Amino acid sequence: MARATGLTISALRFYDGAGVLVPVFVDPRNGYRRYAVAQIPAARLVAGLRRVGMPLPQITAVLDRRDDRPAVHALLDAHLARLEGGLADARRELSRIHRLIDGATPVPVEAFMAVLTVSSVSLRDAVAAVRYAAGTDPDLPALAGVFVEISDGGLRLVATDRYRMAVADVPVLGLTGPDLGVIAPLPLVDALVPLLAADSQVTLTLTADTIAVAAGGHELSGVPIPGDYPDYRRALAVKAGEPLRLTVDATTLRREVAAAPTVLHENAPILVLTTDASGTLGVGDPSAPHRIAVNREFLLAALDAGTPGQLVLELDGPIMPLALRSPGSFTVLMPVRL
């Protein structure tokens, strides 16, 4: 099978364990795997997709839908778009590195400082929408904060602990300076929240070494957490195809989620969301054919952090993230494989 497909023996073992290429028979005495000739085309397809860097969930989606040519072409086009986007990012970064190596004219300090003004209410709502998702793992200090990013004239806050990710956009009233991103430590973020009660304006001054905030007649400052924040945009771009979008009432969904039965998985309460052929959302039926399992406490926290009223759920399937979108913010929850 390895010679026929170009996959190494260790790769075949890996794809068997992942449920992607399961042999038709495994000898119980010696563990030898036996494959059918009919499995060779699928294995060659896996080998080709891995050579172009397609992640395993998308490869699984391609195999599951390979009889649906339009769906497969859409998956391949989406992956090519991600590759092209990554290449464009790499070109920009290498251009910057070339300028550094060539000893370009020193850039003044002001070029690395951004000053922006936002509404205190908008900033307060954005902090509330993302704060709960920040990490607490001491081995991952960059996640123990809120990523504050200025890009394309806008302000975005991001927090993630690897199992969930929350993103909120803040309307900008005024901005001077370049695009940049810093990681605000949680103590600074938490100290800022009580100052954002009044309907006034907040001025943020960001540099690589300082975060300064002027709000409600008070001033706060802190030092950004050093290190690089994860490429959250790439994580959000991982989609198997066009997701199923359901508009639901956040209050009703929260009540149903809180009352629904769960299963215990690795000491966490796991909730199953389901959909039927008509696209109706169900909660708590692990035997439903179309389902996605998520940590119930994470889902409740996301619903509590979002704005009341209508929200949109995006369901890609059991191995893709669940997205919750409300005006100005969204959350991504990683699925649990039961």
Protein backbone atom coordinates (compact mmCIF):
# COMPACT_ATOMS: atom_id res chain seq x y z
CA MET A 1 0.00 0.00 0.00
CA ALA A 2 2.88 2.36 0.80
CA ARG A 3 4.56 1.68 -2.55
CA ALA A 4 1.28 2.06 -4.44
CA THR A 5 0.33 5.40 -2.88
CA GLY A 6 3.48 7.27 -1.92
CA LEU A 7 2.47 7.32 1.75
CA THR A 8 5.04 6.04 4.21
CA ILE A 9 4.19 3.13 6.49
CA SER A 10 4.22 5.46 9.49
CA ALA A 11 1.81 7.78 7.65
CA LEU A 12 -0.54 4.86 6.96
CA ARG A 13 -0.49 4.02 10.67
CA PHE A 14 -1.24 7.65 11.52
CA TYR A 15 -4.16 7.91 9.09
CA ASP A 16 -5.55 4.64 10.42
CA GLY A 17 -5.47 6.01 13.97
CA ALA A 18 -7.08 9.24 12.81
CA GLY A 19 -9.89 7.35 11.10
CA VAL A 20 -9.01 8.72 7.66
CA LEU A 21 -7.69 5.57 5.97
CA VAL A 22 -8.83 2.54 7.92
CA PRO A 23 -7.61 -0.85 6.62
CA VAL A 24 -10.21 -3.44 5.71
CA PHE A 25 -8.57 -5.94 8.05
CA VAL A 26 -6.04 -5.91 10.89
CA ASP A 27 -4.47 -9.23 11.80
CA PRO A 28 -5.17 -9.71 15.54
CA ARG A 29 -1.98 -11.80 15.96
CA ASN A 30 0.62 -9.42 14.58
CA GLY A 31 -1.22 -6.16 13.94
CA TYR A 32 -0.54 -6.19 10.19
CA ARG A 33 -2.86 -3.94 8.28
CA ARG A 34 -4.40 -5.13 5.03
CA TYR A 35 -5.90 -2.71 2.52
CA ALA A 36 -8.18 -3.24 -0.45
CA VAL A 37 -7.18 -2.25 -3.97
CA ALA A 38 -10.24 0.02 -4.01
CA GLN A 39 -8.64 2.12 -1.23
CA ILE A 40 -5.64 3.12 -3.34
CA PRO A 41 -7.30 6.14 -5.06
CA ALA A 42 -8.38 7.60 -1.70
CA ALA A 43 -4.88 7.05 -0.28
CA ARG A 44 -3.27 8.76 -3.27
CA LEU A 45 -5.69 11.63 -2.81
CA VAL A 46 -4.64 11.95 0.85
CA ALA A 47 -0.96 11.92 -0.14
CA GLY A 48 -1.48 14.70 -2.66
CA LEU A 49 -3.49 16.85 -0.29
CA ARG A 50 -0.88 16.50 2.45
CA ARG A 51 1.87 17.50 0.01
CA VAL A 52 0.07 20.83 -0.50
CA GLY A 53 -0.35 21.29 3.24
CA MET A 54 -4.09 20.72 3.63
CA PRO A 55 -5.01 20.18 7.30
CA LEU A 56 -6.42 16.83 8.35
CA PRO A 57 -10.03 18.04 8.96
CA GLN A 58 -10.24 19.37 5.39
CA ILE A 59 -8.75 16.16 4.01
CA THR A 60 -11.44 14.23 5.85
CA ALA A 61 -14.06 16.54 4.37
CA VAL A 62 -12.71 15.98 0.86
CA LEU A 63 -12.82 12.20 1.30
CA ASP A 64 -16.33 12.33 2.74
CA ARG A 65 -17.60 14.46 -0.16
CA ARG A 66 -15.49 13.21 -3.05
CA ASP A 67 -18.59 12.13 -4.96
CA ASP A 68 -19.87 15.72 -4.78
CA ARG A 69 -17.53 17.41 -7.23
CA PRO A 70 -18.74 21.02 -6.71
CA ALA A 71 -18.26 20.65 -2.93
CA VAL A 72 -14.76 19.19 -3.35
CA HIS A 73 -13.75 21.91 -5.81
CA ALA A 74 -14.94 24.51 -3.28
CA LEU A 75 -12.77 22.91 -0.59
CA LEU A 76 -9.73 22.88 -2.86
CA ASP A 77 -10.31 26.50 -3.91
CA ALA A 78 -10.62 27.56 -0.27
CA HIS A 79 -7.33 25.85 0.60
CA LEU A 80 -5.59 27.47 -2.38
CA ALA A 81 -6.86 30.87 -1.22
CA ARG A 82 -5.35 30.22 2.23
CA LEU A 83 -2.03 29.25 0.67
CA GLU A 84 -2.00 32.39 -1.46
CA GLY A 85 -2.83 34.52 1.57
CA GLY A 86 0.02 32.94 3.52
CA LEU A 87 2.41 33.53 0.63
CA ALA A 88 1.42 37.19 0.47
CA ASP A 89 2.06 37.52 4.22
CA ALA A 90 5.45 35.85 3.82
CA ARG A 91 6.41 38.19 0.98
CA ARG A 92 5.54 41.25 3.06
CA GLU A 93 7.53 39.98 6.02
CA LEU A 94 10.55 39.07 3.88
CA SER A 95 10.45 42.53 2.30
CA ARG A 96 10.59 44.05 5.77
CA ILE A 97 13.51 41.76 6.70
CA HIS A 98 15.37 42.76 3.52
CA ARG A 99 15.02 46.41 4.51
CA LEU A 100 16.39 45.66 7.98
CA ILE A 101 19.35 43.75 6.55
CA ASP A 102 20.09 46.48 4.01
CA GLY A 103 20.35 49.05 6.79
CA ALA A 104 17.52 51.33 5.77
CA THR A 105 17.19 54.76 7.34
CA PRO A 106 16.26 54.38 11.02
CA VAL A 107 12.54 54.75 11.61
CA PRO A 108 11.56 57.39 14.20
CA VAL A 109 10.03 56.14 17.45
CA GLU A 110 6.75 57.88 16.57
CA ALA A 111 6.29 55.48 13.68
CA PHE A 112 5.79 52.65 16.17
CA MET A 113 3.17 54.47 18.24
CA ALA A 114 -0.58 54.47 17.61
CA VAL A 115 -3.09 56.73 19.36
CA LEU A 116 -6.77 56.04 18.98
CA THR A 117 -10.04 57.19 20.47
CA VAL A 118 -13.05 54.94 21.03
CA SER A 119 -16.34 55.05 22.89
CA SER A 120 -16.06 53.78 26.47
CA VAL A 121 -19.29 51.79 26.05
CA SER A 122 -18.05 50.13 22.85
CA LEU A 123 -14.75 49.21 24.47
CA ARG A 124 -16.49 47.91 27.59
CA ASP A 125 -18.77 45.68 25.51
CA ALA A 126 -15.82 44.38 23.48
CA VAL A 127 -13.81 43.53 26.60
CA ALA A 128 -16.82 41.70 28.06
CA ALA A 129 -17.21 39.75 24.82
CA VAL A 130 -13.64 38.37 24.83
CA ARG A 131 -12.29 38.45 28.40
CA TYR A 132 -13.71 35.07 29.41
CA ALA A 133 -11.80 33.23 26.66
CA ALA A 134 -8.30 34.30 27.78
CA GLY A 135 -5.91 31.53 28.75
CA THR A 136 -4.55 30.69 32.19
CA ASP A 137 -1.83 28.17 31.30
CA PRO A 138 1.49 29.42 32.79
CA ASP A 139 3.35 27.60 30.02
CA LEU A 140 1.58 29.80 27.43
CA PRO A 141 2.02 33.34 28.80
CA ALA A 142 1.11 35.01 25.50
CA LEU A 143 -2.44 33.67 25.88
CA ALA A 144 -2.86 35.14 29.37
CA GLY A 145 -3.95 38.48 27.95
CA VAL A 146 -6.13 40.19 25.38
CA PHE A 147 -4.62 40.83 21.97
CA VAL A 148 -5.24 44.45 20.99
CA GLU A 149 -4.84 44.86 17.24
CA ILE A 150 -5.02 47.95 15.06
CA SER A 151 -5.47 46.96 11.43
CA ASP A 152 -6.94 48.74 8.40
CA GLY A 153 -8.12 51.64 10.53
CA GLY A 154 -10.04 49.43 12.98
CA LEU A 155 -9.57 48.09 16.48
CA ARG A 156 -10.02 44.41 17.32
CA LEU A 157 -9.76 42.52 20.60
CA VAL A 158 -8.96 38.79 20.64
CA ALA A 159 -8.65 36.23 23.44
CA THR A 160 -8.09 32.48 23.26
CA ASP A 161 -7.07 29.56 25.45
CA ARG A 162 -6.69 27.22 22.40
CA TYR A 163 -10.06 25.58 23.05
CA ARG A 164 -12.14 28.67 22.37
CA MET A 165 -11.54 32.01 20.75
CA ALA A 166 -13.47 35.25 21.13
CA VAL A 167 -13.13 38.23 18.79
CA ALA A 168 -14.74 41.67 19.06
CA ASP A 169 -14.43 44.75 16.86
CA VAL A 170 -14.55 48.27 18.30
CA PRO A 171 -15.60 51.27 16.19
CA VAL A 172 -12.77 53.81 16.07
CA LEU A 173 -13.57 57.52 16.45
CA GLY A 174 -10.04 58.75 15.74
CA LEU A 175 -6.70 57.13 14.91
CA THR A 176 -3.14 58.20 14.21
CA GLY A 177 -0.23 55.87 13.72
CA PRO A 178 0.54 52.54 12.04
CA ASP A 179 -1.08 49.15 12.23
CA LEU A 180 0.23 47.19 15.20
CA GLY A 181 -0.76 44.63 17.79
CA VAL A 182 0.09 44.23 21.48
CA ILE A 183 -0.95 41.73 24.16
CA ALA A 184 -2.59 43.53 27.09
CA PRO A 185 -2.06 41.65 30.38
CA LEU A 186 -5.27 40.64 32.13
CA PRO A 187 -4.64 42.71 35.31
CA LEU A 188 -4.49 45.84 33.15
CA VAL A 189 -7.64 44.82 31.24
CA ASP A 190 -9.51 44.11 34.49
CA ALA A 191 -8.40 47.42 36.03
CA LEU A 192 -9.69 49.26 32.97
CA VAL A 193 -13.24 47.86 33.05
CA PRO A 194 -14.53 49.89 36.06
CA LEU A 195 -13.47 53.10 34.28
CA LEU A 196 -15.67 52.37 31.26
CA ALA A 197 -19.09 52.82 32.85
CA ALA A 198 -19.71 56.38 31.68
CA ASP A 199 -20.74 57.16 28.12
CA SER A 200 -17.55 59.01 27.27
CA GLN A 201 -14.47 58.53 25.16
CA VAL A 202 -11.31 56.56 25.84
CA THR A 203 -7.86 57.29 24.45
CA LEU A 204 -5.49 54.38 23.93
CA THR A 205 -1.79 54.89 23.25
CA LEU A 206 -0.02 51.77 22.08
CA THR A 207 3.66 51.13 21.48
CA ALA A 208 5.77 48.00 21.52
CA ASP A 209 6.70 48.74 25.15
CA THR A 210 3.69 50.53 26.64
CA ILE A 211 -0.08 50.44 26.79
CA ALA A 212 -1.53 53.69 28.15
CA VAL A 213 -5.23 54.37 28.69
CA ALA A 214 -6.99 57.62 29.55
CA ALA A 215 -10.63 57.11 30.55
CA GLY A 216 -13.07 58.96 32.79
CA GLY A 217 -10.45 61.31 34.15
CA HIS A 218 -8.19 58.40 35.09
CA GLU A 219 -5.01 57.10 33.52
CA LEU A 220 -3.71 53.55 33.45
CA SER A 221 -0.58 52.11 31.92
CA GLY A 222 1.12 48.78 31.64
CA VAL A 223 3.69 46.77 29.74
CA PRO A 224 2.53 44.44 26.96
CA ILE A 225 3.15 40.73 27.37
CA PRO A 226 6.22 39.88 25.27
CA GLY A 227 6.07 37.32 22.51
CA ASP A 228 4.00 36.66 19.43
CA TYR A 229 0.27 36.12 19.57
CA PRO A 230 -1.11 33.13 17.62
CA ASP A 231 -2.16 33.77 14.04
CA TYR A 232 -5.85 33.89 14.91
CA ARG A 233 -6.85 34.88 11.38
CA ARG A 234 -5.51 31.63 9.99
CA ALA A 235 -7.31 29.67 12.68
CA LEU A 236 -10.58 31.36 11.79
CA ALA A 237 -10.03 30.64 8.10
CA VAL A 238 -10.07 26.85 8.62
CA LYS A 239 -13.44 25.89 7.16
CA ALA A 240 -14.50 22.64 5.55
CA GLY A 241 -17.00 24.38 3.30
CA GLU A 242 -20.06 26.55 3.49
CA PRO A 243 -21.35 26.14 7.08
CA LEU A 244 -24.94 25.71 8.14
CA ARG A 245 -26.12 29.02 9.60
CA LEU A 246 -28.95 29.10 12.12
CA THR A 247 -30.44 32.26 13.64
CA VAL A 248 -31.47 31.66 17.25
CA ASP A 249 -32.51 33.66 20.29
CA ALA A 250 -29.56 33.82 22.68
CA THR A 251 -31.68 33.82 25.85
CA THR A 252 -33.74 30.82 24.75
CA LEU A 253 -30.67 28.89 23.65
CA ARG A 254 -28.93 29.58 26.95
CA ARG A 255 -31.91 28.27 28.90
CA GLU A 256 -32.00 25.10 26.79
CA VAL A 257 -28.25 24.58 27.06
CA ALA A 258 -28.29 24.99 30.86
CA ALA A 259 -31.07 22.39 31.21
CA ALA A 260 -29.85 19.88 28.61
CA PRO A 261 -28.22 16.56 29.55
CA THR A 262 -24.47 16.23 29.15
CA VAL A 263 -21.91 13.47 28.97
CA LEU A 264 -18.70 13.53 30.97
CA HIS A 265 -15.58 13.56 28.81
CA GLU A 266 -12.14 14.09 30.38
CA ASN A 267 -13.84 15.54 33.49
CA ALA A 268 -15.72 18.14 31.45
CA PRO A 269 -19.49 18.29 30.80
CA ILE A 270 -19.99 17.89 27.06
CA LEU A 271 -23.16 19.03 25.32
CA VAL A 272 -24.33 17.84 21.92
CA LEU A 273 -25.97 20.25 19.47
CA THR A 274 -27.91 18.66 16.62
CA THR A 275 -29.67 19.62 13.41
CA ASP A 276 -32.28 17.74 11.44
CA ALA A 277 -33.02 17.71 7.72
CA SER A 278 -34.98 20.96 8.00
CA GLY A 279 -32.13 22.75 9.75
CA THR A 280 -33.87 22.88 13.14
CA LEU A 281 -31.49 23.14 16.09
CA GLY A 282 -31.70 20.55 18.85
CA VAL A 283 -29.88 20.27 22.15
CA GLY A 284 -28.73 17.20 24.03
CA ASP A 285 -29.32 14.20 21.74
CA PRO A 286 -25.99 12.35 21.28
CA SER A 287 -27.62 9.78 18.98
CA ALA A 288 -28.67 12.32 16.31
CA PRO A 289 -26.97 11.77 12.92
CA HIS A 290 -25.93 15.43 12.50
CA ARG A 291 -24.28 16.69 15.65
CA ILE A 292 -21.41 18.63 17.16
CA ALA A 293 -20.17 18.19 20.72
CA VAL A 294 -18.77 21.12 22.72
CA ASN A 295 -17.87 21.91 26.32
CA ARG A 296 -21.15 23.10 27.85
CA GLU A 297 -19.47 25.51 30.28
CA PHE A 298 -17.57 27.12 27.41
CA LEU A 299 -20.80 27.51 25.45
CA LEU A 300 -22.62 29.03 28.43
CA ALA A 301 -19.75 31.47 28.99
CA ALA A 302 -19.86 32.48 25.32
CA LEU A 303 -23.62 33.05 25.47
CA ASP A 304 -23.27 35.11 28.66
CA ALA A 305 -20.53 37.24 27.10
CA GLY A 306 -22.44 37.94 23.89
CA THR A 307 -25.08 40.58 23.38
CA PRO A 308 -28.71 39.60 24.11
CA GLY A 309 -31.13 38.99 21.27
CA GLN A 310 -30.54 37.17 18.02
CA LEU A 311 -27.28 35.41 17.25
CA VAL A 312 -26.12 33.23 14.39
CA LEU A 313 -24.73 29.74 14.94
CA GLU A 314 -22.40 28.34 12.28
CA LEU A 315 -22.11 24.56 12.28
CA ASP A 316 -19.59 22.91 9.96
CA GLY A 317 -19.90 19.38 11.28
CA PRO A 318 -18.55 17.23 14.13
CA ILE A 319 -14.85 17.97 13.55
CA MET A 320 -15.01 21.69 12.75
CA PRO A 321 -15.35 24.62 15.17
CA LEU A 322 -18.71 25.97 16.25
CA ALA A 323 -19.04 29.72 15.64
CA LEU A 324 -21.41 32.08 17.45
CA ARG A 325 -21.88 35.47 15.84
CA SER A 326 -23.60 38.49 17.37
CA PRO A 327 -23.35 42.16 16.34
CA GLY A 328 -19.73 43.28 16.68
CA SER A 329 -18.29 40.03 18.04
CA PHE A 330 -18.03 36.32 17.52
CA THR A 331 -16.76 33.24 19.34
CA VAL A 332 -15.29 30.00 18.06
CA LEU A 333 -15.50 26.83 20.17
CA MET A 334 -13.41 23.79 19.32
CA PRO A 335 -15.44 20.58 19.03
CA VAL A 336 -14.99 17.53 21.23
CA ARG A 337 -14.72 14.15 19.56
CA LEU A 338 -16.71 11.73 21.70
